N, C-alpha and C. Protein backbone atom coordinates (compact mmCIF):
# COMPACT_ATOMS: atom_id res chain seq x y z
N MET A 1 15.33 4.09 25.48
CA MET A 1 15.76 2.70 25.27
C MET A 1 16.78 2.17 26.41
N ASN A 2 16.33 0.73 26.89
CA ASN A 2 17.79 0.15 27.69
C ASN A 2 18.55 -0.44 26.67
N ASN A 3 19.95 -0.90 27.22
CA ASN A 3 20.83 -1.28 27.00
C ASN A 3 20.97 -2.47 25.90
N GLU A 4 19.70 -3.45 26.74
CA GLU A 4 19.74 -4.76 25.87
C GLU A 4 19.17 -4.58 24.49
N ASN A 5 18.19 -3.78 24.24
CA ASN A 5 17.46 -3.18 22.75
C ASN A 5 18.36 -2.05 22.28
N ARG A 6 19.38 -1.63 22.58
CA ARG A 6 20.37 -0.48 21.99
C ARG A 6 20.57 -0.93 20.99
N MET A 7 21.02 -2.28 20.79
CA MET A 7 22.12 -3.04 19.59
C MET A 7 20.94 -3.16 18.61
N ARG A 8 19.87 -3.73 18.88
CA ARG A 8 18.78 -3.87 17.66
C ARG A 8 18.72 -2.58 17.09
N TYR A 9 18.34 -1.39 17.78
CA TYR A 9 18.31 -0.18 17.14
C TYR A 9 19.13 0.84 16.73
N ALA A 10 20.48 0.25 16.56
CA ALA A 10 21.90 1.32 16.52
C ALA A 10 21.70 1.51 15.03
N ASP A 11 21.19 1.18 14.32
CA ASP A 11 21.16 1.45 13.11
C ASP A 11 19.85 2.53 12.29
N LEU A 12 19.24 2.57 13.61
CA LEU A 12 18.16 3.55 12.89
C LEU A 12 18.22 5.03 13.05
N LYS A 13 17.39 5.79 12.58
CA LYS A 13 17.51 7.30 12.79
C LYS A 13 16.91 7.18 14.26
N ASP A 14 16.89 8.41 14.98
CA ASP A 14 16.71 8.53 16.50
C ASP A 14 15.19 8.19 16.53
N GLU A 15 14.13 8.74 15.94
CA GLU A 15 12.68 8.15 16.47
C GLU A 15 12.29 7.00 15.57
N ILE A 16 11.58 6.25 16.53
CA ILE A 16 10.65 5.24 16.13
C ILE A 16 9.68 5.59 14.99
N LEU A 17 9.21 5.13 14.18
CA LEU A 17 8.06 5.95 13.53
C LEU A 17 6.88 5.27 13.77
N LEU A 18 6.45 4.26 13.86
CA LEU A 18 5.57 3.37 14.47
C LEU A 18 5.97 2.41 15.60
N THR A 19 5.36 2.42 16.98
CA THR A 19 5.83 1.72 17.78
C THR A 19 4.67 0.59 17.73
N ARG A 20 5.17 -0.46 18.41
CA ARG A 20 4.48 -2.06 18.60
C ARG A 20 2.77 -1.70 18.83
N GLU A 21 2.87 -0.61 20.09
CA GLU A 21 1.54 -0.59 20.33
C GLU A 21 0.60 0.04 19.31
N GLN A 22 0.95 1.10 18.40
CA GLN A 22 0.48 1.53 17.44
C GLN A 22 0.10 0.60 16.28
N ILE A 23 0.95 -0.06 15.86
CA ILE A 23 0.62 -1.27 14.92
C ILE A 23 -0.27 -2.11 15.61
N ALA A 24 -0.45 -2.70 16.65
CA ALA A 24 -1.45 -3.68 17.10
C ALA A 24 -2.86 -3.14 17.54
N ALA A 25 -2.75 -1.80 17.83
CA ALA A 25 -3.85 -0.98 17.72
C ALA A 25 -4.57 -1.04 16.16
N ARG A 26 -3.77 -0.71 15.36
CA ARG A 26 -4.31 -0.61 14.00
C ARG A 26 -4.81 -1.98 13.26
N ILE A 27 -4.19 -3.09 13.49
CA ILE A 27 -4.48 -4.40 13.14
C ILE A 27 -5.42 -4.65 13.77
N LYS A 28 -6.03 -4.66 14.94
CA LYS A 28 -7.15 -4.42 15.65
C LYS A 28 -8.37 -4.14 14.80
N GLU A 29 -8.38 -3.02 14.53
CA GLU A 29 -9.28 -2.27 13.57
C GLU A 29 -9.34 -2.96 12.08
N MET A 30 -8.04 -3.42 11.58
CA MET A 30 -8.46 -3.61 10.14
C MET A 30 -8.91 -5.46 10.24
N GLY A 31 -8.51 -5.89 11.68
CA GLY A 31 -9.24 -7.04 11.55
C GLY A 31 -10.61 -7.18 11.76
N LYS A 32 -11.27 -6.05 11.97
CA LYS A 32 -12.72 -5.98 12.19
C LYS A 32 -13.21 -5.36 11.05
N GLU A 33 -12.56 -4.45 10.20
CA GLU A 33 -13.02 -4.41 8.80
C GLU A 33 -13.22 -5.51 7.97
N ILE A 34 -11.84 -6.36 8.22
CA ILE A 34 -11.97 -7.47 6.97
C ILE A 34 -12.95 -8.43 7.21
N THR A 35 -12.97 -8.64 8.91
CA THR A 35 -14.05 -9.62 9.03
C THR A 35 -15.58 -9.38 8.65
N LYS A 36 -15.71 -8.26 8.12
CA LYS A 36 -16.87 -7.72 8.04
C LYS A 36 -17.79 -7.68 6.54
N ASP A 37 -16.52 -7.38 6.03
CA ASP A 37 -16.34 -7.62 4.47
C ASP A 37 -16.17 -8.72 3.78
N TYR A 38 -15.51 -9.66 4.59
CA TYR A 38 -15.61 -11.23 3.86
C TYR A 38 -16.39 -11.73 4.70
N GLU A 39 -17.61 -11.44 5.29
CA GLU A 39 -18.63 -12.31 5.85
C GLU A 39 -19.50 -12.89 4.80
N GLY A 40 -19.07 -14.46 5.22
CA GLY A 40 -19.97 -15.44 4.21
C GLY A 40 -19.31 -15.78 3.00
N LYS A 41 -18.13 -15.48 2.63
CA LYS A 41 -17.15 -15.57 1.55
C LYS A 41 -16.12 -16.66 1.68
N ASP A 42 -15.80 -17.21 0.69
CA ASP A 42 -14.96 -18.32 0.85
C ASP A 42 -13.56 -17.88 0.77
N MET A 43 -13.14 -17.43 1.73
CA MET A 43 -11.89 -16.52 1.72
C MET A 43 -10.54 -17.16 1.92
N VAL A 44 -9.57 -16.65 1.17
CA VAL A 44 -8.60 -17.32 1.21
C VAL A 44 -7.24 -16.26 1.36
N ALA A 45 -6.56 -16.14 2.55
CA ALA A 45 -5.57 -14.91 2.98
C ALA A 45 -4.05 -15.46 2.33
N ILE A 46 -3.47 -14.61 1.41
CA ILE A 46 -2.24 -14.95 0.90
C ILE A 46 -1.25 -13.94 1.40
N CYS A 47 -0.02 -14.78 2.11
CA CYS A 47 0.90 -13.73 2.81
C CYS A 47 1.78 -13.75 1.48
N ILE A 48 2.40 -12.34 1.29
CA ILE A 48 3.54 -12.21 0.70
C ILE A 48 4.97 -12.11 1.44
N LEU A 49 5.69 -13.42 1.10
CA LEU A 49 6.83 -13.72 2.16
C LEU A 49 8.17 -12.79 1.49
N LYS A 50 8.85 -12.50 2.21
CA LYS A 50 9.11 -12.72 3.87
C LYS A 50 8.45 -11.39 4.33
N GLY A 51 8.66 -10.57 3.80
CA GLY A 51 8.25 -9.30 5.03
C GLY A 51 6.68 -9.33 5.44
N ALA A 52 5.76 -9.79 4.83
CA ALA A 52 4.53 -9.49 5.65
C ALA A 52 4.50 -10.76 6.44
N ALA A 53 5.29 -11.54 6.87
CA ALA A 53 4.97 -12.74 7.62
C ALA A 53 4.52 -12.21 9.01
N VAL A 54 5.46 -11.32 9.67
CA VAL A 54 4.93 -10.90 11.26
C VAL A 54 3.45 -10.42 10.95
N PHE A 55 3.23 -9.53 10.04
CA PHE A 55 1.84 -8.40 9.91
C PHE A 55 0.69 -9.68 9.54
N PHE A 56 1.02 -10.21 8.77
CA PHE A 56 0.25 -11.68 8.61
C PHE A 56 -0.45 -12.25 9.53
N VAL A 57 0.71 -12.79 10.30
CA VAL A 57 0.31 -13.58 11.85
C VAL A 57 -0.78 -12.77 12.69
N ASP A 58 -0.06 -11.53 12.64
CA ASP A 58 -1.05 -10.60 13.76
C ASP A 58 -2.35 -10.33 13.33
N LEU A 59 -2.49 -9.95 11.98
CA LEU A 59 -3.73 -9.89 11.34
C LEU A 59 -4.78 -10.78 11.20
N ILE A 60 -4.32 -11.96 10.77
CA ILE A 60 -5.41 -12.95 10.52
C ILE A 60 -5.71 -13.61 11.88
N ARG A 61 -5.07 -13.52 13.17
CA ARG A 61 -5.52 -13.59 14.20
C ARG A 61 -6.67 -12.53 15.05
N GLU A 62 -6.78 -11.46 14.18
CA GLU A 62 -7.77 -10.47 14.44
C GLU A 62 -9.10 -10.81 13.57
N ILE A 63 -8.94 -11.47 12.32
CA ILE A 63 -10.06 -11.87 11.68
C ILE A 63 -10.89 -12.72 11.88
N ASP A 64 -12.14 -12.52 12.34
CA ASP A 64 -13.23 -13.53 12.89
C ASP A 64 -14.00 -14.20 11.75
N GLN A 65 -13.42 -15.07 11.00
CA GLN A 65 -13.96 -15.40 9.83
C GLN A 65 -13.27 -16.80 9.29
N HIS A 66 -13.58 -17.97 8.90
CA HIS A 66 -13.36 -18.99 8.43
C HIS A 66 -12.17 -18.57 7.09
N MET A 67 -11.37 -19.13 6.94
CA MET A 67 -10.55 -18.73 5.56
C MET A 67 -9.43 -19.86 5.70
N SER A 68 -8.70 -20.07 4.31
CA SER A 68 -7.69 -20.99 4.17
C SER A 68 -6.58 -19.97 3.86
N LEU A 69 -5.24 -20.50 4.35
CA LEU A 69 -4.31 -19.52 3.87
C LEU A 69 -3.14 -20.17 3.00
N ASP A 70 -2.41 -19.16 2.58
CA ASP A 70 -1.47 -19.61 1.39
C ASP A 70 -0.19 -18.70 1.24
N PHE A 71 0.74 -18.87 0.84
CA PHE A 71 2.03 -18.07 0.92
C PHE A 71 2.65 -17.85 -0.41
N MET A 72 3.05 -16.80 -0.80
CA MET A 72 3.90 -16.65 -1.83
C MET A 72 5.14 -15.93 -1.76
N ALA A 73 5.90 -16.01 -2.52
CA ALA A 73 7.42 -15.15 -2.50
C ALA A 73 7.64 -14.58 -3.42
N ILE A 74 7.81 -13.26 -3.79
CA ILE A 74 8.16 -12.51 -5.21
C ILE A 74 9.13 -11.66 -4.95
N SER A 75 9.82 -11.20 -5.96
CA SER A 75 10.72 -10.29 -5.57
C SER A 75 10.81 -9.22 -6.74
N SER A 76 10.96 -8.20 -6.57
CA SER A 76 11.34 -7.08 -7.49
C SER A 76 12.43 -5.91 -7.32
N TYR A 77 13.02 -6.68 -6.12
CA TYR A 77 14.03 -5.68 -5.31
C TYR A 77 15.38 -6.56 -5.84
N GLY A 78 15.58 -7.54 -5.15
CA GLY A 78 16.76 -8.91 -4.82
C GLY A 78 17.40 -8.11 -3.50
N SER A 79 18.65 -7.75 -3.68
CA SER A 79 19.16 -7.28 -2.49
C SER A 79 19.43 -5.54 -2.61
N ALA A 80 18.57 -4.77 -3.33
CA ALA A 80 18.42 -3.53 -3.89
C ALA A 80 17.34 -2.87 -2.77
N THR A 81 17.61 -1.47 -2.78
CA THR A 81 16.65 -0.66 -2.20
C THR A 81 15.70 -0.15 -2.91
N LYS A 82 15.79 -0.03 -4.47
CA LYS A 82 14.62 0.01 -5.18
C LYS A 82 14.42 -0.83 -6.27
N SER A 83 12.77 -0.68 -6.43
CA SER A 83 12.50 -2.10 -7.21
C SER A 83 12.96 -1.96 -8.59
N SER A 84 13.39 -3.14 -9.21
CA SER A 84 13.97 -3.31 -10.75
C SER A 84 12.96 -3.44 -11.55
N GLY A 85 11.62 -3.27 -11.19
CA GLY A 85 10.72 -3.41 -12.10
C GLY A 85 10.33 -4.66 -12.95
N VAL A 86 11.20 -5.63 -12.48
CA VAL A 86 11.21 -7.40 -13.29
C VAL A 86 10.87 -8.30 -11.77
N VAL A 87 9.32 -8.50 -11.93
CA VAL A 87 8.98 -9.46 -10.75
C VAL A 87 9.22 -10.77 -11.16
N ARG A 88 9.59 -11.82 -10.23
CA ARG A 88 9.79 -12.79 -10.40
C ARG A 88 8.84 -13.65 -9.00
N ILE A 89 8.47 -14.91 -9.62
CA ILE A 89 7.46 -15.64 -8.64
C ILE A 89 8.83 -16.76 -7.93
N LEU A 90 9.12 -16.32 -6.66
CA LEU A 90 10.16 -17.17 -6.28
C LEU A 90 9.40 -18.92 -5.37
N LYS A 91 8.15 -18.19 -4.91
CA LYS A 91 7.38 -19.41 -4.59
C LYS A 91 6.02 -19.38 -4.93
N ASP A 92 5.41 -20.19 -5.13
CA ASP A 92 3.94 -20.17 -6.02
C ASP A 92 2.99 -20.58 -4.73
N LEU A 93 1.49 -20.25 -4.94
CA LEU A 93 0.72 -21.02 -4.40
C LEU A 93 0.66 -22.56 -4.11
N ASP A 94 0.23 -22.64 -3.15
CA ASP A 94 0.15 -24.33 -3.17
C ASP A 94 -1.13 -24.95 -3.51
N LYS A 95 -2.01 -24.29 -3.49
CA LYS A 95 -3.49 -24.60 -3.92
C LYS A 95 -4.13 -23.68 -4.79
N PRO A 96 -5.06 -24.11 -5.85
CA PRO A 96 -6.04 -23.15 -6.43
C PRO A 96 -6.50 -22.22 -6.20
N ILE A 97 -6.85 -20.80 -6.62
CA ILE A 97 -7.68 -20.06 -6.22
C ILE A 97 -8.86 -20.03 -6.89
N ASN A 98 -9.16 -20.89 -7.49
CA ASN A 98 -10.35 -20.44 -8.51
C ASN A 98 -11.90 -20.37 -7.53
N GLY A 99 -12.30 -19.12 -7.87
CA GLY A 99 -13.80 -19.43 -7.52
C GLY A 99 -13.68 -18.61 -5.96
N LYS A 100 -12.28 -18.35 -5.34
CA LYS A 100 -12.24 -17.86 -4.04
C LYS A 100 -11.97 -15.99 -4.03
N ASP A 101 -12.35 -16.14 -2.73
CA ASP A 101 -12.20 -14.43 -2.63
C ASP A 101 -10.71 -14.17 -1.82
N VAL A 102 -9.85 -13.75 -2.67
CA VAL A 102 -8.68 -13.74 -2.15
C VAL A 102 -8.21 -12.61 -1.23
N LEU A 103 -7.61 -12.41 -0.27
CA LEU A 103 -6.73 -11.01 0.22
C LEU A 103 -5.25 -11.22 0.17
N VAL A 104 -4.59 -10.30 -0.48
CA VAL A 104 -3.64 -10.59 -0.31
C VAL A 104 -2.80 -9.43 0.46
N ILE A 105 -1.88 -10.23 1.59
CA ILE A 105 -1.39 -9.78 2.82
C ILE A 105 0.06 -9.15 2.37
N GLU A 106 0.40 -8.14 2.29
CA GLU A 106 1.52 -7.27 2.05
C GLU A 106 2.19 -6.53 3.29
N ASP A 107 3.52 -6.66 3.24
CA ASP A 107 4.27 -5.70 4.37
C ASP A 107 4.39 -3.83 3.86
N ILE A 108 4.49 -3.66 2.71
CA ILE A 108 4.61 -2.42 2.22
C ILE A 108 4.02 -2.14 0.84
N VAL A 109 3.38 -0.77 0.16
CA VAL A 109 3.23 -1.27 -1.10
C VAL A 109 3.96 0.55 -1.40
N ASP A 110 4.80 0.44 -2.29
CA ASP A 110 5.42 2.02 -2.76
C ASP A 110 5.10 2.02 -4.28
N SER A 111 5.78 1.21 -5.30
CA SER A 111 5.89 2.10 -6.39
C SER A 111 4.47 1.17 -7.06
N GLY A 112 4.19 0.21 -6.52
CA GLY A 112 2.93 -0.55 -7.12
C GLY A 112 3.08 -1.71 -8.03
N MET A 113 4.18 -1.53 -8.35
CA MET A 113 5.06 -2.69 -9.86
C MET A 113 4.26 -3.77 -9.34
N THR A 114 4.64 -4.46 -8.08
CA THR A 114 4.73 -5.67 -7.92
C THR A 114 3.51 -6.30 -7.69
N LEU A 115 2.85 -5.42 -6.88
CA LEU A 115 1.45 -5.95 -6.76
C LEU A 115 0.56 -5.58 -7.81
N SER A 116 0.81 -5.16 -8.86
CA SER A 116 -0.07 -4.62 -9.91
C SER A 116 0.03 -6.06 -10.74
N PHE A 117 1.37 -6.47 -10.87
CA PHE A 117 1.57 -7.75 -11.55
C PHE A 117 1.13 -9.11 -10.99
N LEU A 118 0.78 -8.84 -9.45
CA LEU A 118 0.44 -10.21 -8.93
C LEU A 118 -0.95 -10.07 -8.85
N LYS A 119 -1.51 -8.71 -8.86
CA LYS A 119 -2.96 -8.76 -8.57
C LYS A 119 -3.62 -9.15 -10.46
N GLU A 120 -3.01 -8.99 -11.56
CA GLU A 120 -3.43 -9.28 -12.32
C GLU A 120 -2.78 -10.93 -12.76
N ASN A 121 -2.20 -11.49 -12.13
CA ASN A 121 -1.91 -12.85 -11.99
C ASN A 121 -2.64 -13.65 -11.53
N LEU A 122 -3.02 -13.42 -10.40
CA LEU A 122 -4.08 -13.90 -9.50
C LEU A 122 -5.23 -14.11 -10.04
N MET A 123 -5.95 -12.86 -10.61
CA MET A 123 -7.12 -12.61 -11.24
C MET A 123 -7.10 -13.64 -12.40
N SER A 124 -6.14 -13.89 -12.94
CA SER A 124 -6.19 -15.01 -14.44
C SER A 124 -6.43 -16.05 -13.90
N ARG A 125 -6.02 -16.41 -12.84
CA ARG A 125 -6.25 -17.82 -11.98
C ARG A 125 -7.75 -18.13 -11.69
N GLY A 126 -8.53 -17.14 -11.98
CA GLY A 126 -10.24 -17.33 -11.66
C GLY A 126 -10.40 -17.13 -10.29
N ALA A 127 -9.62 -15.86 -9.46
CA ALA A 127 -10.25 -15.76 -8.26
C ALA A 127 -11.47 -14.99 -8.39
N ARG A 128 -12.52 -15.46 -7.58
CA ARG A 128 -13.74 -14.68 -7.68
C ARG A 128 -13.54 -13.01 -7.65
N SER A 129 -12.80 -12.69 -6.25
CA SER A 129 -12.67 -11.53 -5.92
C SER A 129 -10.86 -11.47 -5.49
N LEU A 130 -10.16 -10.14 -5.72
CA LEU A 130 -9.05 -9.71 -4.86
C LEU A 130 -8.99 -8.32 -4.56
N LYS A 131 -8.45 -8.50 -2.99
CA LYS A 131 -8.29 -7.36 -2.67
C LYS A 131 -6.89 -7.23 -2.00
N ILE A 132 -6.46 -6.14 -1.72
CA ILE A 132 -5.02 -6.12 -1.35
C ILE A 132 -4.85 -5.07 -0.18
N CYS A 133 -4.21 -6.03 0.87
CA CYS A 133 -4.21 -5.22 2.48
C CYS A 133 -2.41 -4.89 2.21
N THR A 134 -2.24 -3.87 3.20
CA THR A 134 -0.85 -3.68 3.27
C THR A 134 -0.95 -3.00 4.94
N LEU A 135 0.38 -3.15 5.56
CA LEU A 135 0.46 -2.65 6.77
C LEU A 135 0.92 -1.24 6.49
N LEU A 136 1.95 -1.01 5.62
CA LEU A 136 2.53 0.46 5.13
C LEU A 136 2.26 0.85 3.93
N ASP A 137 1.90 2.13 3.49
CA ASP A 137 1.38 2.35 2.04
C ASP A 137 2.43 3.60 2.16
N LYS A 138 3.24 3.81 0.85
CA LYS A 138 3.77 5.03 0.26
C LYS A 138 2.92 5.36 -0.99
N PRO A 139 1.94 6.00 -0.90
CA PRO A 139 1.50 6.67 -2.12
C PRO A 139 2.22 7.46 -2.88
N GLU A 140 3.14 8.12 -2.47
CA GLU A 140 3.71 8.96 -3.22
C GLU A 140 4.80 8.63 -4.13
N ARG A 141 5.23 7.17 -3.90
CA ARG A 141 6.12 6.57 -4.72
C ARG A 141 5.52 5.53 -5.81
N ARG A 142 4.19 5.76 -5.95
CA ARG A 142 3.65 4.94 -7.05
C ARG A 142 4.07 5.39 -8.39
N ARG A 143 4.54 4.25 -9.34
CA ARG A 143 4.64 4.82 -10.24
C ARG A 143 3.49 3.81 -11.30
N VAL A 144 2.80 2.88 -10.90
CA VAL A 144 1.53 2.57 -11.74
C VAL A 144 0.29 2.67 -10.88
N PRO A 145 -0.90 2.94 -11.35
CA PRO A 145 -2.33 2.96 -10.42
C PRO A 145 -2.48 1.61 -9.93
N LEU A 146 -2.54 1.59 -8.50
CA LEU A 146 -2.73 0.79 -8.01
C LEU A 146 -3.53 1.18 -6.58
N HIS A 147 -5.16 0.08 -6.68
CA HIS A 147 -5.96 0.65 -5.28
C HIS A 147 -5.42 -0.24 -4.04
N VAL A 148 -5.22 0.21 -3.35
CA VAL A 148 -5.19 -0.62 -1.86
C VAL A 148 -6.48 -0.36 -0.91
N ASP A 149 -6.83 -1.71 -0.89
CA ASP A 149 -8.15 -2.04 -0.22
C ASP A 149 -8.43 -1.63 1.23
N TYR A 150 -7.12 -2.29 1.79
CA TYR A 150 -6.71 -1.92 3.28
C TYR A 150 -5.33 -1.64 3.50
N PHE A 151 -5.33 -0.47 4.63
CA PHE A 151 -4.02 -0.24 4.78
C PHE A 151 -3.52 0.33 6.50
N GLY A 152 -2.67 -0.03 6.76
CA GLY A 152 -2.57 0.35 8.14
C GLY A 152 -1.89 1.86 8.60
N PHE A 153 -1.16 1.97 7.69
CA PHE A 153 -0.56 3.45 7.79
C PHE A 153 0.02 3.84 6.89
N ILE A 154 -0.22 5.07 6.18
CA ILE A 154 0.27 6.10 5.02
C ILE A 154 1.69 6.47 6.07
N ILE A 155 2.70 6.21 5.00
CA ILE A 155 4.27 6.65 5.64
C ILE A 155 4.92 7.68 4.82
N PRO A 156 6.03 8.37 5.17
CA PRO A 156 6.59 9.25 4.46
C PRO A 156 7.72 8.44 3.53
N ASP A 157 8.51 8.94 2.36
CA ASP A 157 9.18 8.17 1.58
C ASP A 157 10.62 7.93 1.96
N GLU A 158 10.41 7.32 3.33
CA GLU A 158 11.80 6.73 3.99
C GLU A 158 11.96 5.45 3.86
N PHE A 159 13.29 4.71 4.07
CA PHE A 159 13.54 3.43 3.85
C PHE A 159 13.25 2.93 5.43
N VAL A 160 12.32 2.14 5.32
CA VAL A 160 11.48 1.76 7.21
C VAL A 160 11.96 0.19 7.05
N VAL A 161 12.37 -0.29 8.20
CA VAL A 161 12.71 -1.68 8.69
C VAL A 161 11.94 -1.75 10.02
N GLY A 162 12.00 -3.16 10.08
CA GLY A 162 11.38 -3.28 11.28
C GLY A 162 9.65 -4.09 11.48
N TYR A 163 9.24 -5.08 12.25
CA TYR A 163 8.03 -5.59 12.05
C TYR A 163 7.85 -6.45 10.71
N GLY A 164 9.17 -7.29 10.54
CA GLY A 164 9.15 -7.86 9.11
C GLY A 164 9.75 -7.47 8.25
N LEU A 165 9.70 -5.98 8.26
CA LEU A 165 10.67 -5.02 7.00
C LEU A 165 11.99 -5.21 6.91
N ASP A 166 12.97 -5.55 6.24
CA ASP A 166 14.42 -5.74 6.23
C ASP A 166 15.08 -4.72 5.36
N TYR A 167 16.35 -4.86 5.46
CA TYR A 167 17.37 -4.18 4.39
C TYR A 167 18.49 -5.57 4.62
N ALA A 168 18.80 -6.20 3.47
CA ALA A 168 19.66 -7.32 3.16
C ALA A 168 19.48 -8.16 4.29
N GLU A 169 18.03 -8.78 4.40
CA GLU A 169 17.58 -9.53 5.24
C GLU A 169 18.26 -9.41 7.08
N LYS A 170 18.19 -8.33 7.10
CA LYS A 170 18.19 -7.71 8.83
C LYS A 170 17.23 -6.76 9.02
N TYR A 171 17.02 -6.73 10.21
CA TYR A 171 16.16 -5.94 11.00
C TYR A 171 14.61 -6.33 11.06
N ARG A 172 14.20 -7.54 10.50
CA ARG A 172 12.95 -8.10 10.42
C ARG A 172 12.43 -8.30 11.98
N ASN A 173 13.33 -8.54 12.97
CA ASN A 173 12.89 -8.86 14.17
C ASN A 173 12.54 -7.56 15.28
N LEU A 174 12.76 -6.54 14.69
CA LEU A 174 12.58 -5.43 15.50
C LEU A 174 10.99 -5.31 15.71
N PRO A 175 10.42 -5.16 16.92
CA PRO A 175 8.90 -5.11 17.19
C PRO A 175 8.20 -3.70 16.92
N ASP A 176 9.20 -3.01 16.42
CA ASP A 176 8.85 -1.65 15.98
C ASP A 176 9.23 -1.19 14.41
N ILE A 177 8.83 -0.01 13.84
CA ILE A 177 9.22 0.04 12.67
C ILE A 177 9.71 1.54 12.75
N GLY A 178 11.07 1.41 12.29
CA GLY A 178 11.81 2.65 12.13
C GLY A 178 12.68 2.94 11.25
N VAL A 179 13.08 4.32 10.82
CA VAL A 179 13.61 4.52 9.70
C VAL A 179 15.37 4.60 9.65
N LEU A 180 15.66 3.54 8.65
CA LEU A 180 16.91 3.17 8.53
C LEU A 180 18.01 4.53 7.93
N ARG A 181 18.90 4.54 8.96
CA ARG A 181 19.84 5.85 8.52
C ARG A 181 20.35 5.28 7.25
N PRO A 182 20.34 6.44 6.21
CA PRO A 182 21.21 6.08 4.81
C PRO A 182 22.45 5.90 4.81
N GLU A 183 23.25 6.20 5.81
CA GLU A 183 24.78 5.28 5.69
C GLU A 183 24.82 3.76 5.37
N ILE A 184 23.93 3.14 6.24
CA ILE A 184 23.64 2.08 6.16
C ILE A 184 23.66 1.27 4.84
N TYR A 185 22.37 1.77 3.96
CA TYR A 185 22.00 1.33 2.67
C TYR A 185 22.69 2.22 1.57
N GLU A 186 23.29 3.18 1.78
CA GLU A 186 24.18 3.76 0.54
C GLU A 186 25.39 3.64 0.23
């Protein structure tokens, strides 16, 4: 790592978990799969802010399909590192999704509580179908049953940052994904 990047990576454990090249290659594959699955459908891609924004932008450019875009901000963490279990909608959709085929795009799924709540909420608004797409999946942390339709990588139970993922609003701008040193957040 050169000197100019050393500061951005200083709080990470030594190894990079996922490089920008690995992420880009997997997103291309996911884009092809989603394009095929949504062919001829009235697709709405919903970005879950803020963490999924980087992934969302890269993914939608790999989907060769007409779609509309919308954004939601939800919270079950606040500034903590573990979910509180209480989900709050901080920013709701701008347009109705009644009769639409919805793809919720998230950065990471761990306990499943937030997305389980969101899936039920969006289906109650009349979505024709709803699928979940995440860059990172931690199935060993599930506290509720949740099916993830598209995932980039299954990762170990570590606190990761970069490529949109944060700790206390920092590290989102790292182009790779790494494990945050525990002394930073404990």
